[in-house]
Amino acid sequence: MPNPYEMYNASSVTHRNKPLTILNLSEDFNNFIENMDDLPHKIAIIPEGVDGRPDLLAHQIYGTEKLWWVIMLANKIDNAKTQLVSGKKIFIPEIPGYAFVIDENGFSSY
């Protein structure tokens, strides 16, 4: 399995086999990625209906599908179809400024 932190490395992003060099990530973003393991988090159980769909899971937890990559990165998932399955326990990092909806059962809809 490839290193998940390298999977989202901006310097390795390509489009049509050409590197994208216009990405300029902020220092805050880089610090967030580097310190993700130290963020407060909860453990959730993936509910039925979102298998292989980190976008749907992110929308239900954070209120936006745009944070799908946080779930993938925090759980070192490189293949959502095979690794993001109902019943599996996952880490859900708390992100300042975003909704965080996890109930006593480990999950809730947004």
Protein backbone atom coordinates (compact mmCIF):
# COMPACT_ATOMS: atom_id res chain seq x y z
CA MET A 1 0.00 0.00 0.00
CA PRO A 2 1.41 3.41 -0.89
CA ASN A 3 2.09 5.89 1.87
CA PRO A 4 -1.21 7.83 2.20
CA TYR A 5 0.61 11.02 3.08
CA GLU A 6 2.42 10.88 -0.24
CA MET A 7 -0.79 10.10 -2.11
CA TYR A 8 -1.99 13.66 -1.51
CA ASN A 9 1.37 15.36 -1.89
CA ALA A 10 0.78 18.40 -4.08
CA SER A 11 4.13 18.01 -5.80
CA SER A 12 3.10 14.58 -7.09
CA VAL A 13 -0.28 15.64 -8.53
CA THR A 14 -0.53 15.23 -12.29
CA HIS A 15 -3.11 15.82 -14.97
CA ARG A 16 -2.74 13.99 -18.26
CA ASN A 17 0.68 12.85 -17.12
CA LYS A 18 1.89 16.42 -16.62
CA PRO A 19 2.73 17.72 -13.12
CA LEU A 20 0.54 20.45 -11.71
CA THR A 21 2.90 23.10 -10.47
CA ILE A 22 0.43 25.88 -9.71
CA LEU A 23 -0.64 24.39 -6.39
CA ASN A 24 0.50 26.60 -3.55
CA LEU A 25 -0.64 25.14 -0.25
CA SER A 26 -0.76 27.38 2.78
CA GLU A 27 1.38 26.79 5.83
CA ASP A 28 -1.80 26.18 7.85
CA PHE A 29 -2.88 23.45 5.44
CA ASN A 30 0.53 21.78 5.51
CA ASN A 31 0.52 21.90 9.33
CA PHE A 32 -2.96 20.35 9.37
CA ILE A 33 -1.82 17.46 7.18
CA GLU A 34 1.41 16.90 9.11
CA ASN A 35 -0.35 16.95 12.49
CA MET A 36 -3.53 15.08 11.57
CA ASP A 37 -2.66 12.14 13.84
CA ASP A 38 -2.53 14.53 16.81
CA LEU A 39 -5.96 16.12 16.19
CA PRO A 40 -8.81 15.32 18.58
CA HIS A 41 -10.95 12.65 17.00
CA LYS A 42 -13.72 10.19 17.60
CA ILE A 43 -14.19 6.66 16.39
CA ALA A 44 -17.20 6.01 14.20
CA ILE A 45 -18.67 2.93 12.60
CA ILE A 46 -19.42 3.26 8.90
CA PRO A 47 -23.20 2.92 8.44
CA GLU A 48 -24.88 1.03 5.61
CA GLY A 49 -25.48 3.05 2.48
CA VAL A 50 -22.15 4.86 2.28
CA ASP A 51 -19.89 1.92 1.38
CA GLY A 52 -17.13 3.16 -0.90
CA ARG A 53 -18.41 6.75 -0.73
CA PRO A 54 -16.20 8.96 1.43
CA ASP A 55 -18.00 12.00 0.01
CA LEU A 56 -21.34 10.89 1.47
CA LEU A 57 -19.71 10.03 4.78
CA ALA A 58 -17.97 13.42 4.94
CA HIS A 59 -21.25 15.20 4.20
CA GLN A 60 -23.00 13.36 7.01
CA ILE A 61 -20.20 14.05 9.50
CA TYR A 62 -18.84 17.46 8.53
CA GLY A 63 -21.76 18.92 6.58
CA THR A 64 -19.79 19.02 3.33
CA GLU A 65 -18.66 16.38 0.89
CA LYS A 66 -15.53 18.40 0.16
CA LEU A 67 -13.77 16.89 3.19
CA TRP A 68 -13.86 13.32 1.84
CA TRP A 69 -10.07 13.33 1.63
CA VAL A 70 -9.75 13.93 5.39
CA ILE A 71 -11.50 10.63 6.11
CA MET A 72 -9.37 8.84 3.53
CA LEU A 73 -6.11 10.32 4.80
CA ALA A 74 -6.87 9.94 8.51
CA ASN A 75 -7.63 6.26 8.02
CA LYS A 76 -4.86 5.59 5.51
CA ILE A 77 -7.40 4.42 2.94
CA ASP A 78 -6.21 4.26 -0.64
CA ASN A 79 -9.17 2.34 -2.09
CA ALA A 80 -12.58 3.45 -0.84
CA LYS A 81 -14.44 0.66 -2.63
CA THR A 82 -12.63 -2.08 -0.71
CA GLN A 83 -11.62 -0.32 2.52
CA LEU A 84 -14.59 1.93 3.31
CA VAL A 85 -17.26 -0.65 4.14
CA SER A 86 -20.22 -0.64 6.51
CA GLY A 87 -19.46 -1.90 9.99
CA LYS A 88 -15.80 -0.86 9.90
CA LYS A 89 -14.49 1.45 12.64
CA ILE A 90 -12.77 4.61 11.42
CA PHE A 91 -11.15 7.70 12.92
CA ILE A 92 -12.95 10.99 12.39
CA PRO A 93 -10.71 14.00 13.09
CA GLU A 94 -12.32 17.11 14.51
CA ILE A 95 -11.76 20.05 12.17
CA PRO A 96 -12.07 23.55 13.60
CA GLY A 97 -14.86 25.48 11.93
CA TYR A 98 -16.79 22.45 10.66
CA ALA A 99 -19.76 20.56 12.06
CA PHE A 100 -18.87 17.36 13.84
CA VAL A 101 -21.85 15.06 14.18
CA ILE A 102 -21.05 11.83 16.02
CA ASP A 103 -23.48 10.47 18.59
CA GLU A 104 -23.13 7.86 21.34
CA ASN A 105 -23.54 5.10 18.74
CA GLY A 106 -20.49 6.35 16.87
CA PHE A 107 -22.34 8.02 14.00
CA SER A 108 -25.22 10.28 13.18
CA SER A 109 -26.62 11.87 10.07
CA TYR A 110 -26.06 15.59 9.53
